[in-house]
Amino acid sequence: MKVLSNYSMRPNRLERHLKQQNPTLVLKTKEFFSSKAESIKRMRLDKSGSYHAGVSQHLKASFQIAFMIAKQKKPHTIGEELIKPCVLKAMQRRRYRTKT
């Protein structure tokens, strides 16, 4: 997954990105990409979808933290060195509270 700036969202930039990053998909139609997006949305790892939903929420939170770090123009290592340990401690504390 990549985050593209507004400048990168121009049609000629998107086309160049597609040609450089995914040359096998250049000749595919728009319907192919829309059906691919729908199939990804419907994909589940278990019958209930609860595992998928939980992982999805954690992944979204992780991306949001990384995006906030990038917006502040901080080195990405701050997430590994500071934010990740803080989040893990908070989650452990939350789990401990719900068990008691």
C-alpha atoms as a PDB file:
ATOM      1  CA  MET A   1       0.000   0.000   0.000  1.00  0.00           C
ATOM      2  CA  LYS A   2       1.299   3.417  -0.906  1.00  0.00           C
ATOM      3  CA  VAL A   3       0.145   6.894   0.009  1.00  0.00           C
ATOM      4  CA  LEU A   4       0.274   9.221  -2.960  1.00  0.00           C
ATOM      5  CA  SER A   5       0.314  12.994  -2.731  1.00  0.00           C
ATOM      6  CA  ASN A   6      -2.135  15.191  -4.629  1.00  0.00           C
ATOM      7  CA  TYR A   7       0.606  15.931  -7.150  1.00  0.00           C
ATOM      8  CA  SER A   8       1.027  12.196  -7.747  1.00  0.00           C
ATOM      9  CA  MET A   9      -2.702  11.707  -8.311  1.00  0.00           C
ATOM     10  CA  ARG A  10      -2.625  13.444 -11.686  1.00  0.00           C
ATOM     11  CA  PRO A  11      -3.615  11.071 -14.496  1.00  0.00           C
ATOM     12  CA  ASN A  12      -0.248  11.141 -16.251  1.00  0.00           C
ATOM     13  CA  ARG A  13       1.586  10.456 -12.953  1.00  0.00           C
ATOM     14  CA  LEU A  14      -0.757   7.582 -12.095  1.00  0.00           C
ATOM     15  CA  GLU A  15      -0.278   6.120 -15.553  1.00  0.00           C
ATOM     16  CA  ARG A  16       3.500   6.343 -15.203  1.00  0.00           C
ATOM     17  CA  HIS A  17       3.287   4.708 -11.761  1.00  0.00           C
ATOM     18  CA  LEU A  18       1.219   1.865 -13.222  1.00  0.00           C
ATOM     19  CA  LYS A  19       3.690   1.328 -16.075  1.00  0.00           C
ATOM     20  CA  GLN A  20       6.731   1.370 -13.797  1.00  0.00           C
ATOM     21  CA  GLN A  21       5.404  -0.549 -10.787  1.00  0.00           C
ATOM     22  CA  ASN A  22       2.961  -2.983 -12.444  1.00  0.00           C
ATOM     23  CA  PRO A  23       3.809  -3.382 -16.130  1.00  0.00           C
ATOM     24  CA  THR A  24       1.712  -6.563 -16.435  1.00  0.00           C
ATOM     25  CA  LEU A  25      -1.455  -4.624 -15.540  1.00  0.00           C
ATOM     26  CA  VAL A  26      -1.097  -1.850 -18.118  1.00  0.00           C
ATOM     27  CA  LEU A  27      -3.439  -3.448 -20.665  1.00  0.00           C
ATOM     28  CA  LYS A  28      -6.165  -4.379 -18.141  1.00  0.00           C
ATOM     29  CA  THR A  29      -9.548  -2.645 -18.320  1.00  0.00           C
ATOM     30  CA  LYS A  30     -11.188  -0.461 -15.689  1.00  0.00           C
ATOM     31  CA  GLU A  31     -13.688  -3.252 -14.980  1.00  0.00           C
ATOM     32  CA  PHE A  32     -10.804  -5.561 -14.033  1.00  0.00           C
ATOM     33  CA  PHE A  33      -9.610  -3.150 -11.352  1.00  0.00           C
ATOM     34  CA  SER A  34     -13.102  -2.508  -9.977  1.00  0.00           C
ATOM     35  CA  SER A  35     -13.834  -6.254  -9.723  1.00  0.00           C
ATOM     36  CA  LYS A  36     -10.430  -6.770  -8.087  1.00  0.00           C
ATOM     37  CA  ALA A  37     -11.243  -4.099  -5.490  1.00  0.00           C
ATOM     38  CA  GLU A  38     -14.621  -5.723  -4.774  1.00  0.00           C
ATOM     39  CA  SER A  39     -13.086  -9.177  -4.348  1.00  0.00           C
ATOM     40  CA  ILE A  40     -10.493  -7.803  -1.925  1.00  0.00           C
ATOM     41  CA  LYS A  41     -13.234  -6.122   0.111  1.00  0.00           C
ATOM     42  CA  ARG A  42     -15.183  -9.401   0.341  1.00  0.00           C
ATOM     43  CA  MET A  43     -12.122 -11.474   1.295  1.00  0.00           C
ATOM     44  CA  ARG A  44     -12.223 -12.998   4.789  1.00  0.00           C
ATOM     45  CA  LEU A  45      -9.775 -15.163   6.707  1.00  0.00           C
ATOM     46  CA  ASP A  46     -12.450 -17.014   8.691  1.00  0.00           C
ATOM     47  CA  LYS A  47     -16.191 -17.632   8.435  1.00  0.00           C
ATOM     48  CA  SER A  48     -17.225 -14.991  10.945  1.00  0.00           C
ATOM     49  CA  GLY A  49     -14.912 -12.286   9.644  1.00  0.00           C
ATOM     50  CA  SER A  50     -14.059 -11.243  13.192  1.00  0.00           C
ATOM     51  CA  TYR A  51     -10.369 -12.101  12.850  1.00  0.00           C
ATOM     52  CA  HIS A  52     -10.155 -10.176   9.607  1.00  0.00           C
ATOM     53  CA  ALA A  53     -11.938  -7.191  11.114  1.00  0.00           C
ATOM     54  CA  GLY A  54      -9.623  -7.135  14.153  1.00  0.00           C
ATOM     55  CA  VAL A  55      -6.482  -7.368  12.072  1.00  0.00           C
ATOM     56  CA  SER A  56      -7.848  -4.753   9.701  1.00  0.00           C
ATOM     57  CA  GLN A  57      -8.411  -2.284  12.546  1.00  0.00           C
ATOM     58  CA  HIS A  58      -4.895  -2.826  13.900  1.00  0.00           C
ATOM     59  CA  LEU A  59      -3.434  -2.393  10.435  1.00  0.00           C
ATOM     60  CA  LYS A  60      -5.369   0.839   9.878  1.00  0.00           C
ATOM     61  CA  ALA A  61      -4.140   2.170  13.224  1.00  0.00           C
ATOM     62  CA  SER A  62      -0.571   1.265  12.295  1.00  0.00           C
ATOM     63  CA  PHE A  63      -0.853   3.077   8.961  1.00  0.00           C
ATOM     64  CA  GLN A  64      -2.390   6.119  10.624  1.00  0.00           C
ATOM     65  CA  ILE A  65       0.504   6.303  13.100  1.00  0.00           C
ATOM     66  CA  ALA A  66       3.053   5.954  10.287  1.00  0.00           C
ATOM     67  CA  PHE A  67       1.251   8.637   8.284  1.00  0.00           C
ATOM     68  CA  MET A  68       1.246  11.014  11.265  1.00  0.00           C
ATOM     69  CA  ILE A  69       4.987  10.441  11.748  1.00  0.00           C
ATOM     70  CA  ALA A  70       5.580  11.208   8.062  1.00  0.00           C
ATOM     71  CA  LYS A  71       3.454  14.375   8.210  1.00  0.00           C
ATOM     72  CA  GLN A  72       5.544  15.637  11.134  1.00  0.00           C
ATOM     73  CA  LYS A  73       8.694  14.918   9.070  1.00  0.00           C
ATOM     74  CA  LYS A  74      10.127  12.748  11.829  1.00  0.00           C
ATOM     75  CA  PRO A  75      12.361   9.745  11.146  1.00  0.00           C
ATOM     76  CA  HIS A  76      10.422   6.488  10.829  1.00  0.00           C
ATOM     77  CA  THR A  77      12.529   4.949  13.597  1.00  0.00           C
ATOM     78  CA  ILE A  78      10.609   7.020  16.162  1.00  0.00           C
ATOM     79  CA  GLY A  79       7.713   4.640  15.564  1.00  0.00           C
ATOM     80  CA  GLU A  80       9.885   1.628  16.321  1.00  0.00           C
ATOM     81  CA  GLU A  81      11.740   3.144  19.252  1.00  0.00           C
ATOM     82  CA  LEU A  82       9.057   5.185  20.999  1.00  0.00           C
ATOM     83  CA  ILE A  83       5.525   4.759  19.711  1.00  0.00           C
ATOM     84  CA  LYS A  84       5.419   0.957  19.368  1.00  0.00           C
ATOM     85  CA  PRO A  85       6.535   0.291  22.975  1.00  0.00           C
ATOM     86  CA  CYS A  86       4.036   2.876  24.254  1.00  0.00           C
ATOM     87  CA  VAL A  87       1.165   1.334  22.305  1.00  0.00           C
ATOM     88  CA  LEU A  88       2.119  -2.174  23.455  1.00  0.00           C
ATOM     89  CA  LYS A  89       2.158  -1.060  27.097  1.00  0.00           C
ATOM     90  CA  ALA A  90      -1.234   0.618  26.679  1.00  0.00           C
ATOM     91  CA  MET A  91      -2.690  -2.534  25.107  1.00  0.00           C
ATOM     92  CA  GLN A  92      -1.287  -4.728  27.902  1.00  0.00           C
ATOM     93  CA  ARG A  93      -2.823  -2.407  30.463  1.00  0.00           C
ATOM     94  CA  ARG A  94      -6.159  -2.464  28.658  1.00  0.00           C
ATOM     95  CA  ARG A  95      -6.125  -6.280  28.510  1.00  0.00           C
ATOM     96  CA  TYR A  96      -5.278  -6.464  32.203  1.00  0.00           C
ATOM     97  CA  ARG A  97      -8.191  -4.176  33.090  1.00  0.00           C
ATOM     98  CA  THR A  98     -10.700  -6.179  31.069  1.00  0.00           C
ATOM     99  CA  LYS A  99      -9.637  -9.472  32.708  1.00  0.00           C
ATOM    100  CA  THR A 100     -10.135  -8.196  36.272  1.00  0.00           C
END
